[in-house]
Amino acid sequence: MKKHKHQGSKFDDFLKEEDLYEEVTARALKKTSMTMFLKFVSENRGMKAKIRKALNSPSAVDRVLSDDPHVQYDTLVKAGASVGLAPVINWVPLDKLKLD
């Protein structure tokens, strides 16, 4: 007997079938990175001023600080460096990754 009789295929399987898995994964990583960055900035005084000074572009500052999904990752990395942060990415073999 099945545990979940109404359970369909995994969403990851659907994304792979539609050739969207890599794009969705990349966007999710970027979103997570931005969320963590904004949390740090909001919890620490003086960070916004440092970011404004480093980016020299009001529109770039607005995109970074407003969680705009169209901000380029290199802009986010530059903003992070201005406040003493660096992104860390870890590559894991797919066969070792548990997605359940």
PDB file of N, CA and C in Angstrom:
ATOM      1  N   MET A   1       0.831  -1.176   0.000  1.00  0.00           N
ATOM      2  CA  MET A   1       0.000   0.000   0.000  1.00  0.00           C
ATOM      3  C   MET A   1       0.886   1.254   0.000  1.00  0.00           C
ATOM      4  N   LYS A   2       0.522   2.231  -0.818  1.00  0.00           N
ATOM      5  CA  LYS A   2       1.276   3.475  -0.895  1.00  0.00           C
ATOM      6  C   LYS A   2       1.028   4.308   0.356  1.00  0.00           C
ATOM      7  N   LYS A   3       2.064   5.050   0.745  1.00  0.00           N
ATOM      8  CA  LYS A   3       1.904   5.965   1.868  1.00  0.00           C
ATOM      9  C   LYS A   3       0.993   7.134   1.491  1.00  0.00           C
ATOM     10  N   HIS A   4       1.225   7.689   0.309  1.00  0.00           N
ATOM     11  CA  HIS A   4       0.473   8.855  -0.144  1.00  0.00           C
ATOM     12  C   HIS A   4      -0.138   8.529  -1.502  1.00  0.00           C
ATOM     13  N   LYS A   5      -1.370   8.096  -1.516  1.00  0.00           N
ATOM     14  CA  LYS A   5      -1.969   7.647  -2.766  1.00  0.00           C
ATOM     15  C   LYS A   5      -2.181   8.775  -3.767  1.00  0.00           C
ATOM     16  N   HIS A   6      -2.218  10.031  -3.309  1.00  0.00           N
ATOM     17  CA  HIS A   6      -2.439  11.154  -4.216  1.00  0.00           C
ATOM     18  C   HIS A   6      -1.150  11.894  -4.566  1.00  0.00           C
ATOM     19  N   GLN A   7      -0.030  11.342  -4.163  1.00  0.00           N
ATOM     20  CA  GLN A   7       1.248  12.004  -4.421  1.00  0.00           C
ATOM     21  C   GLN A   7       1.675  11.733  -5.860  1.00  0.00           C
ATOM     22  N   GLY A   8       1.981  12.798  -6.579  1.00  0.00           N
ATOM     23  CA  GLY A   8       2.461  12.678  -7.951  1.00  0.00           C
ATOM     24  C   GLY A   8       3.974  12.624  -7.993  1.00  0.00           C
ATOM     25  N   SER A   9       4.516  12.911  -9.162  1.00  0.00           N
ATOM     26  CA  SER A   9       5.965  12.918  -9.293  1.00  0.00           C
ATOM     27  C   SER A   9       6.539  14.127  -8.567  1.00  0.00           C
ATOM     28  N   LYS A  10       7.831  14.097  -8.354  1.00  0.00           N
ATOM     29  CA  LYS A  10       8.499  15.192  -7.673  1.00  0.00           C
ATOM     30  C   LYS A  10       8.565  16.411  -8.579  1.00  0.00           C
ATOM     31  N   PHE A  11       8.502  17.590  -7.967  1.00  0.00           N
ATOM     32  CA  PHE A  11       8.564  18.833  -8.718  1.00  0.00           C
ATOM     33  C   PHE A  11       9.900  18.949  -9.453  1.00  0.00           C
ATOM     34  N   ASP A  12      10.979  18.486  -8.828  1.00  0.00           N
ATOM     35  CA  ASP A  12      12.284  18.507  -9.485  1.00  0.00           C
ATOM     36  C   ASP A  12      12.253  17.705 -10.782  1.00  0.00           C
ATOM     37  N   ASP A  13      11.562  16.573 -10.775  1.00  0.00           N
ATOM     38  CA  ASP A  13      11.444  15.763 -11.986  1.00  0.00           C
ATOM     39  C   ASP A  13      10.716  16.526 -13.082  1.00  0.00           C
ATOM     40  N   PHE A  14       9.655  17.236 -12.709  1.00  0.00           N
ATOM     41  CA  PHE A  14       8.920  18.053 -13.665  1.00  0.00           C
ATOM     42  C   PHE A  14       9.826  19.121 -14.268  1.00  0.00           C
ATOM     43  N   LEU A  15      10.564  19.827 -13.410  1.00  0.00           N
ATOM     44  CA  LEU A  15      11.457  20.877 -13.905  1.00  0.00           C
ATOM     45  C   LEU A  15      12.512  20.314 -14.856  1.00  0.00           C
ATOM     46  N   LYS A  16      13.026  19.151 -14.551  1.00  0.00           N
ATOM     47  CA  LYS A  16      14.019  18.515 -15.431  1.00  0.00           C
ATOM     48  C   LYS A  16      13.402  18.137 -16.770  1.00  0.00           C
ATOM     49  N   GLU A  17      12.202  17.604 -16.745  1.00  0.00           N
ATOM     50  CA  GLU A  17      11.517  17.242 -17.986  1.00  0.00           C
ATOM     51  C   GLU A  17      11.274  18.464 -18.871  1.00  0.00           C
ATOM     52  N   GLU A  18      11.026  19.606 -18.253  1.00  0.00           N
ATOM     53  CA  GLU A  18      10.759  20.843 -18.982  1.00  0.00           C
ATOM     54  C   GLU A  18      12.040  21.630 -19.264  1.00  0.00           C
ATOM     55  N   ASP A  19      13.195  21.065 -18.937  1.00  0.00           N
ATOM     56  CA  ASP A  19      14.503  21.717 -19.098  1.00  0.00           C
ATOM     57  C   ASP A  19      14.566  23.060 -18.375  1.00  0.00           C
ATOM     58  N   LEU A  20      13.987  23.102 -17.186  1.00  0.00           N
ATOM     59  CA  LEU A  20      13.979  24.319 -16.384  1.00  0.00           C
ATOM     60  C   LEU A  20      14.733  24.179 -15.066  1.00  0.00           C
ATOM     61  N   TYR A  21      15.197  22.992 -14.760  1.00  0.00           N
ATOM     62  CA  TYR A  21      15.777  22.714 -13.444  1.00  0.00           C
ATOM     63  C   TYR A  21      16.968  23.617 -13.132  1.00  0.00           C
ATOM     64  N   GLU A  22      17.898  23.736 -14.056  1.00  0.00           N
ATOM     65  CA  GLU A  22      19.103  24.526 -13.806  1.00  0.00           C
ATOM     66  C   GLU A  22      18.771  26.005 -13.629  1.00  0.00           C
ATOM     67  N   GLU A  23      17.873  26.524 -14.463  1.00  0.00           N
ATOM     68  CA  GLU A  23      17.492  27.932 -14.367  1.00  0.00           C
ATOM     69  C   GLU A  23      16.792  28.226 -13.042  1.00  0.00           C
ATOM     70  N   VAL A  24      15.877  27.369 -12.657  1.00  0.00           N
ATOM     71  CA  VAL A  24      15.144  27.567 -11.404  1.00  0.00           C
ATOM     72  C   VAL A  24      16.093  27.438 -10.213  1.00  0.00           C
ATOM     73  N   THR A  25      17.007  26.495 -10.269  1.00  0.00           N
ATOM     74  CA  THR A  25      17.978  26.324  -9.198  1.00  0.00           C
ATOM     75  C   THR A  25      18.868  27.555  -9.065  1.00  0.00           C
ATOM     76  N   ALA A  26      19.337  28.082 -10.192  1.00  0.00           N
ATOM     77  CA  ALA A  26      20.183  29.279 -10.167  1.00  0.00           C
ATOM     78  C   ALA A  26      19.430  30.473  -9.581  1.00  0.00           C
ATOM     79  N   ARG A  27      18.176  30.637  -9.970  1.00  0.00           N
ATOM     80  CA  ARG A  27      17.380  31.751  -9.430  1.00  0.00           C
ATOM     81  C   ARG A  27      17.145  31.585  -7.931  1.00  0.00           C
ATOM     82  N   ALA A  28      16.926  30.354  -7.512  1.00  0.00           N
ATOM     83  CA  ALA A  28      16.702  30.103  -6.083  1.00  0.00           C
ATOM     84  C   ALA A  28      17.967  30.401  -5.280  1.00  0.00           C
ATOM     85  N   LEU A  29      19.120  30.030  -5.806  1.00  0.00           N
ATOM     86  CA  LEU A  29      20.380  30.326  -5.124  1.00  0.00           C
ATOM     87  C   LEU A  29      20.601  31.830  -5.028  1.00  0.00           C
ATOM     88  N   LYS A  30      20.322  32.538  -6.103  1.00  0.00           N
ATOM     89  CA  LYS A  30      20.476  33.990  -6.110  1.00  0.00           C
ATOM     90  C   LYS A  30      19.523  34.627  -5.097  1.00  0.00           C
ATOM     91  N   LYS A  31      18.291  34.185  -5.078  1.00  0.00           N
ATOM     92  CA  LYS A  31      17.290  34.720  -4.151  1.00  0.00           C
ATOM     93  C   LYS A  31      17.712  34.466  -2.709  1.00  0.00           C
ATOM     94  N   THR A  32      18.181  33.271  -2.428  1.00  0.00           N
ATOM     95  CA  THR A  32      18.630  32.936  -1.078  1.00  0.00           C
ATOM     96  C   THR A  32      19.816  33.797  -0.679  1.00  0.00           C
ATOM     97  N   SER A  33      20.744  33.969  -1.598  1.00  0.00           N
ATOM     98  CA  SER A  33      21.912  34.804  -1.337  1.00  0.00           C
ATOM     99  C   SER A  33      21.506  36.242  -1.050  1.00  0.00           C
ATOM    100  N   MET A  34      20.586  36.771  -1.849  1.00  0.00           N
ATOM    101  CA  MET A  34      20.116  38.143  -1.645  1.00  0.00           C
ATOM    102  C   MET A  34      19.399  38.287  -0.301  1.00  0.00           C
ATOM    103  N   THR A  35      18.597  37.317   0.050  1.00  0.00           N
ATOM    104  CA  THR A  35      17.865  37.361   1.313  1.00  0.00           C
ATOM    105  C   THR A  35      18.827  37.382   2.494  1.00  0.00           C
ATOM    106  N   MET A  36      19.852  36.550   2.452  1.00  0.00           N
ATOM    107  CA  MET A  36      20.841  36.509   3.528  1.00  0.00           C
ATOM    108  C   MET A  36      21.617  37.823   3.593  1.00  0.00           C
ATOM    109  N   PHE A  37      21.968  38.362   2.428  1.00  0.00           N
ATOM    110  CA  PHE A  37      22.683  39.631   2.368  1.00  0.00           C
ATOM    111  C   PHE A  37      21.841  40.755   2.973  1.00  0.00           C
ATOM    112  N   LEU A  38      20.580  40.849   2.576  1.00  0.00           N
ATOM    113  CA  LEU A  38      19.706  41.911   3.079  1.00  0.00           C
ATOM    114  C   LEU A  38      19.461  41.782   4.585  1.00  0.00           C
ATOM    115  N   LYS A  39      19.407  40.567   5.075  1.00  0.00           N
ATOM    116  CA  LYS A  39      19.251  40.351   6.515  1.00  0.00           C
ATOM    117  C   LYS A  39      20.463  40.909   7.252  1.00  0.00           C
ATOM    118  N   PHE A  40      21.650  40.630   6.742  1.00  0.00           N
ATOM    119  CA  PHE A  40      22.866  41.143   7.359  1.00  0.00           C
ATOM    120  C   PHE A  40      22.877  42.669   7.349  1.00  0.00           C
ATOM    121  N   VAL A  41      22.544  43.248   6.201  1.00  0.00           N
ATOM    122  CA  VAL A  41      22.550  44.711   6.066  1.00  0.00           C
ATOM    123  C   VAL A  41      21.548  45.346   7.030  1.00  0.00           C
ATOM    124  N   SER A  42      20.370  44.764   7.139  1.00  0.00           N
ATOM    125  CA  SER A  42      19.340  45.352   8.009  1.00  0.00           C
ATOM    126  C   SER A  42      19.690  45.230   9.489  1.00  0.00           C
ATOM    127  N   GLU A  43      20.499  44.243   9.836  1.00  0.00           N
ATOM    128  CA  GLU A  43      20.854  44.022  11.238  1.00  0.00           C
ATOM    129  C   GLU A  43      22.104  44.791  11.671  1.00  0.00           C
ATOM    130  N   ASN A  44      22.776  45.444  10.730  1.00  0.00           N
ATOM    131  CA  ASN A  44      24.027  46.129  11.048  1.00  0.00           C
ATOM    132  C   ASN A  44      23.987  47.573  10.576  1.00  0.00           C
ATOM    133  N   ARG A  45      24.193  48.473  11.502  1.00  0.00           N
ATOM    134  CA  ARG A  45      24.155  49.905  11.198  1.00  0.00           C
ATOM    135  C   ARG A  45      25.313  50.304  10.287  1.00  0.00           C
ATOM    136  N   GLY A  46      25.044  51.268   9.448  1.00  0.00           N
ATOM    137  CA  GLY A  46      26.089  51.838   8.603  1.00  0.00           C
ATOM    138  C   GLY A  46      26.370  51.080   7.322  1.00  0.00           C
ATOM    139  N   MET A  47      25.715  49.954   7.127  1.00  0.00           N
ATOM    140  CA  MET A  47      25.992  49.137   5.945  1.00  0.00           C
ATOM    141  C   MET A  47      25.479  49.803   4.663  1.00  0.00           C
ATOM    142  N   LYS A  48      24.315  50.409   4.728  1.00  0.00           N
ATOM    143  CA  LYS A  48      23.741  51.015   3.526  1.00  0.00           C
ATOM    144  C   LYS A  48      24.621  52.136   2.994  1.00  0.00           C
ATOM    145  N   ALA A  49      25.198  52.929   3.886  1.00  0.00           N
ATOM    146  CA  ALA A  49      26.085  54.020   3.458  1.00  0.00           C
ATOM    147  C   ALA A  49      27.321  53.467   2.765  1.00  0.00           C
ATOM    148  N   LYS A  50      27.871  52.379   3.276  1.00  0.00           N
ATOM    149  CA  LYS A  50      29.046  51.756   2.652  1.00  0.00           C
ATOM    150  C   LYS A  50      28.702  51.220   1.263  1.00  0.00           C
ATOM    151  N   ILE A  51      27.523  50.654   1.139  1.00  0.00           N
ATOM    152  CA  ILE A  51      27.091  50.113  -0.157  1.00  0.00           C
ATOM    153  C   ILE A  51      26.911  51.249  -1.157  1.00  0.00           C
ATOM    154  N   ARG A  52      26.281  52.333  -0.724  1.00  0.00           N
ATOM    155  CA  ARG A  52      26.085  53.490  -1.620  1.00  0.00           C
ATOM    156  C   ARG A  52      27.419  54.028  -2.118  1.00  0.00           C
ATOM    157  N   LYS A  53      28.396  54.093  -1.230  1.00  0.00           N
ATOM    158  CA  LYS A  53      29.714  54.606  -1.598  1.00  0.00           C
ATOM    159  C   LYS A  53      30.408  53.659  -2.584  1.00  0.00           C
ATOM    160  N   ALA A  54      30.262  52.355  -2.387  1.00  0.00           N
ATOM    161  CA  ALA A  54      30.946  51.373  -3.232  1.00  0.00           C
ATOM    162  C   ALA A  54      30.343  51.263  -4.622  1.00  0.00           C
ATOM    163  N   LEU A  55      29.032  51.380  -4.728  1.00  0.00           N
ATOM    164  CA  LEU A  55      28.379  51.149  -6.016  1.00  0.00           C
ATOM    165  C   LEU A  55      28.322  52.383  -6.908  1.00  0.00           C
ATOM    166  N   ASN A  56      28.323  53.567  -6.335  1.00  0.00           N
ATOM    167  CA  ASN A  56      28.319  54.811  -7.121  1.00  0.00           C
ATOM    168  C   ASN A  56      27.173  54.920  -8.123  1.00  0.00           C
ATOM    169  N   SER A  57      26.147  54.152  -7.965  1.00  0.00           N
ATOM    170  CA  SER A  57      25.013  54.205  -8.877  1.00  0.00           C
ATOM    171  C   SER A  57      23.733  54.088  -8.064  1.00  0.00           C
ATOM    172  N   PRO A  58      22.959  55.161  -7.996  1.00  0.00           N
ATOM    173  CA  PRO A  58      21.718  55.097  -7.214  1.00  0.00           C
ATOM    174  C   PRO A  58      20.786  53.967  -7.647  1.00  0.00           C
ATOM    175  N   SER A  59      20.710  53.715  -8.939  1.00  0.00           N
ATOM    176  CA  SER A  59      19.809  52.651  -9.393  1.00  0.00           C
ATOM    177  C   SER A  59      20.324  51.273  -8.961  1.00  0.00           C
ATOM    178  N   ALA A  60      21.638  51.064  -8.988  1.00  0.00           N
ATOM    179  CA  ALA A  60      22.202  49.788  -8.535  1.00  0.00           C
ATOM    180  C   ALA A  60      21.972  49.601  -7.044  1.00  0.00           C
ATOM    181  N   VAL A  61      22.150  50.668  -6.281  1.00  0.00           N
ATOM    182  CA  VAL A  61      21.913  50.608  -4.834  1.00  0.00           C
ATOM    183  C   VAL A  61      20.453  50.259  -4.563  1.00  0.00           C
ATOM    184  N   ASP A  62      19.557  50.910  -5.282  1.00  0.00           N
ATOM    185  CA  ASP A  62      18.131  50.625  -5.108  1.00  0.00           C
ATOM    186  C   ASP A  62      17.808  49.169  -5.416  1.00  0.00           C
ATOM    187  N   ARG A  63      18.382  48.634  -6.499  1.00  0.00           N
ATOM    188  CA  ARG A  63      18.124  47.237  -6.871  1.00  0.00           C
ATOM    189  C   ARG A  63      18.638  46.290  -5.798  1.00  0.00           C
ATOM    190  N   VAL A  64      19.844  46.551  -5.303  1.00  0.00           N
ATOM    191  CA  VAL A  64      20.435  45.668  -4.290  1.00  0.00           C
ATOM    192  C   VAL A  64      19.639  45.709  -2.993  1.00  0.00           C
ATOM    193  N   LEU A  65      19.264  46.889  -2.563  1.00  0.00           N
ATOM    194  CA  LEU A  65      18.600  47.030  -1.268  1.00  0.00           C
ATOM    195  C   LEU A  65      17.110  46.754  -1.305  1.00  0.00           C
ATOM    196  N   SER A  66      16.546  46.614  -2.494  1.00  0.00           N
ATOM    197  CA  SER A  66      15.105  46.353  -2.580  1.00  0.00           C
ATOM    198  C   SER A  66      14.793  44.903  -2.918  1.00  0.00           C
ATOM    199  N   ASP A  67      15.810  44.057  -2.966  1.00  0.00           N
ATOM    200  CA  ASP A  67      15.605  42.637  -3.267  1.00  0.00           C
ATOM    201  C   ASP A  67      15.081  42.446  -4.694  1.00  0.00           C
ATOM    202  N   ASP A  68      15.523  43.311  -5.597  1.00  0.00           N
ATOM    203  CA  ASP A  68      15.134  43.243  -7.007  1.00  0.00           C
ATOM    204  C   ASP A  68      15.721  41.977  -7.638  1.00  0.00           C
ATOM    205  N   PRO A  69      14.893  41.108  -8.213  1.00  0.00           N
ATOM    206  CA  PRO A  69      15.413  39.870  -8.802  1.00  0.00           C
ATOM    207  C   PRO A  69      16.269  40.101 -10.048  1.00  0.00           C
ATOM    208  N   HIS A  70      16.260  41.324 -10.573  1.00  0.00           N
ATOM    209  CA  HIS A  70      17.030  41.600 -11.775  1.00  0.00           C
ATOM    210  C   HIS A  70      18.431  42.133 -11.485  1.00  0.00           C
ATOM    211  N   VAL A  71      18.779  42.271 -10.213  1.00  0.00           N
ATOM    212  CA  VAL A  71      20.122  42.733  -9.880  1.00  0.00           C
ATOM    213  C   VAL A  71      21.123  41.675 -10.354  1.00  0.00           C
ATOM    214  N   GLN A  72      22.198  42.142 -10.954  1.00  0.00           N
ATOM    215  CA  GLN A  72      23.211  41.204 -11.431  1.00  0.00           C
ATOM    216  C   GLN A  72      24.009  40.692 -10.236  1.00  0.00           C
ATOM    217  N   TYR A  73      24.412  39.434 -10.328  1.00  0.00           N
ATOM    218  CA  TYR A  73      25.090  38.818  -9.191  1.00  0.00           C
ATOM    219  C   TYR A  73      26.411  39.513  -8.895  1.00  0.00           C
ATOM    220  N   ASP A  74      27.105  39.980  -9.928  1.00  0.00           N
ATOM    221  CA  ASP A  74      28.373  40.665  -9.674  1.00  0.00           C
ATOM    222  C   ASP A  74      28.158  41.972  -8.910  1.00  0.00           C
ATOM    223  N   THR A  75      27.026  42.634  -9.122  1.00  0.00           N
ATOM    224  CA  THR A  75      26.691  43.837  -8.363  1.00  0.00           C
ATOM    225  C   THR A  75      26.444  43.481  -6.901  1.00  0.00           C
ATOM    226  N   LEU A  76      25.758  42.382  -6.674  1.00  0.00           N
ATOM    227  CA  LEU A  76      25.502  41.924  -5.314  1.00  0.00           C
ATOM    228  C   LEU A  76      26.811  41.557  -4.614  1.00  0.00           C
ATOM    229  N   VAL A  77      27.713  40.911  -5.336  1.00  0.00           N
ATOM    230  CA  VAL A  77      29.012  40.538  -4.769  1.00  0.00           C
ATOM    231  C   VAL A  77      29.809  41.786  -4.417  1.00  0.00           C
ATOM    232  N   LYS A  78      29.783  42.784  -5.286  1.00  0.00           N
ATOM    233  CA  LYS A  78      30.489  44.047  -5.021  1.00  0.00           C
ATOM    234  C   LYS A  78      29.906  44.740  -3.794  1.00  0.00           C
ATOM    235  N   ALA A  79      28.582  44.757  -3.693  1.00  0.00           N
ATOM    236  CA  ALA A  79      27.931  45.356  -2.528  1.00  0.00           C
ATOM    237  C   ALA A  79      28.323  44.598  -1.262  1.00  0.00           C
ATOM    238  N   GLY A  80      28.362  43.300  -1.346  1.00  0.00           N
ATOM    239  CA  GLY A  80      28.758  42.488  -0.188  1.00  0.00           C
ATOM    240  C   GLY A  80      30.190  42.763   0.235  1.00  0.00           C
ATOM    241  N   ALA A  81      31.079  42.853  -0.739  1.00  0.00           N
ATOM    242  CA  ALA A  81      32.484  43.124  -0.433  1.00  0.00           C
ATOM    243  C   ALA A  81      32.647  44.466   0.267  1.00  0.00           C
ATOM    244  N   SER A  82      31.796  45.426  -0.092  1.00  0.00           N
ATOM    245  CA  SER A  82      31.897  46.755   0.518  1.00  0.00           C
ATOM    246  C   SER A  82      31.571  46.741   2.009  1.00  0.00           C
ATOM    247  N   VAL A  83      30.859  45.721   2.458  1.00  0.00           N
ATOM    248  CA  VAL A  83      30.524  45.612   3.880  1.00  0.00           C
ATOM    249  C   VAL A  83      31.204  44.407   4.526  1.00  0.00           C
ATOM    250  N   GLY A  84      32.222  43.873   3.847  1.00  0.00           N
ATOM    251  CA  GLY A  84      33.013  42.792   4.422  1.00  0.00           C
ATOM    252  C   GLY A  84      32.420  41.405   4.279  1.00  0.00           C
ATOM    253  N   LEU A  85      31.600  41.186   3.258  1.00  0.00           N
ATOM    254  CA  LEU A  85      30.987  39.877   3.035  1.00  0.00           C
ATOM    255  C   LEU A  85      31.459  39.281   1.715  1.00  0.00           C
ATOM    256  N   ALA A  86      31.498  37.966   1.660  1.00  0.00           N
ATOM    257  CA  ALA A  86      31.822  37.261   0.422  1.00  0.00           C
ATOM    258  C   ALA A  86      30.882  36.062   0.298  1.00  0.00           C
ATOM    259  N   PRO A  87      30.394  35.789  -0.913  1.00  0.00           N
ATOM    260  CA  PRO A  87      29.524  34.620  -1.080  1.00  0.00           C
ATOM    261  C   PRO A  87      30.352  33.337  -1.050  1.00  0.00           C
ATOM    262  N   VAL A  88      29.723  32.281  -0.591  1.00  0.00           N
ATOM    263  CA  VAL A  88      30.372  30.969  -0.570  1.00  0.00           C
ATOM    264  C   VAL A  88      29.435  29.991  -1.262  1.00  0.00           C
ATOM    265  N   ILE A  89      29.953  29.306  -2.266  1.00  0.00           N
ATOM    266  CA  ILE A  89      29.162  28.315  -2.996  1.00  0.00           C
ATOM    267  C   ILE A  89      29.844  26.972  -2.839  1.00  0.00           C
ATOM    268  N   ASN A  90      29.060  25.956  -2.604  1.00  0.00           N
ATOM    269  CA  ASN A  90      29.599  24.619  -2.430  1.00  0.00           C
ATOM    270  C   ASN A  90      29.002  23.702  -3.489  1.00  0.00           C
ATOM    271  N   TRP A  91      29.842  23.017  -4.234  1.00  0.00           N
ATOM    272  CA  TRP A  91      29.376  22.082  -5.259  1.00  0.00           C
ATOM    273  C   TRP A  91      29.295  20.690  -4.673  1.00  0.00           C
ATOM    274  N   VAL A  92      28.170  20.036  -4.909  1.00  0.00           N
ATOM    275  CA  VAL A  92      27.914  18.715  -4.368  1.00  0.00           C
ATOM    276  C   VAL A  92      27.540  17.792  -5.517  1.00  0.00           C
ATOM    277  N   PRO A  93      28.128  16.584  -5.573  1.00  0.00           N
ATOM    278  CA  PRO A  93      27.728  15.638  -6.624  1.00  0.00           C
ATOM    279  C   PRO A  93      26.230  15.346  -6.534  1.00  0.00           C
ATOM    280  N   LEU A  94      25.556  15.349  -7.675  1.00  0.00           N
ATOM    281  CA  LEU A  94      24.118  15.144  -7.684  1.00  0.00           C
ATOM    282  C   LEU A  94      23.708  13.831  -7.044  1.00  0.00           C
ATOM    283  N   ASP A  95      24.517  12.795  -7.201  1.00  0.00           N
ATOM    284  CA  ASP A  95      24.152  11.511  -6.624  1.00  0.00           C
ATOM    285  C   ASP A  95      24.253  11.518  -5.096  1.00  0.00           C
ATOM    286  N   LYS A  96      24.905  12.528  -4.524  1.00  0.00           N
ATOM    287  CA  LYS A  96      25.023  12.645  -3.070  1.00  0.00           C
ATOM    288  C   LYS A  96      23.980  13.619  -2.494  1.00  0.00           C
ATOM    289  N   LEU A  97      23.275  14.309  -3.361  1.00  0.00           N
ATOM    290  CA  LEU A  97      22.318  15.319  -2.935  1.00  0.00           C
ATOM    291  C   LEU A  97      20.970  14.684  -2.671  1.00  0.00           C
ATOM    292  N   LYS A  98      20.449  14.918  -1.498  1.00  0.00           N
ATOM    293  CA  LYS A  98      19.135  14.385  -1.148  1.00  0.00           C
ATOM    294  C   LYS A  98      18.111  15.493  -1.311  1.00  0.00           C
ATOM    295  N   LEU A  99      17.160  15.331  -2.210  1.00  0.00           N
ATOM    296  CA  LEU A  99      16.188  16.356  -2.531  1.00  0.00           C
ATOM    297  C   LEU A  99      14.796  16.064  -1.974  1.00  0.00           C
ATOM    298  N   ASP A 100      14.654  15.067  -1.161  1.00  0.00           N
ATOM    299  CA  ASP A 100      13.319  14.699  -0.636  1.00  0.00           C
ATOM    300  C   ASP A 100      12.811  15.700   0.340  1.00  0.00           C
TER     301      ASP A 100
END
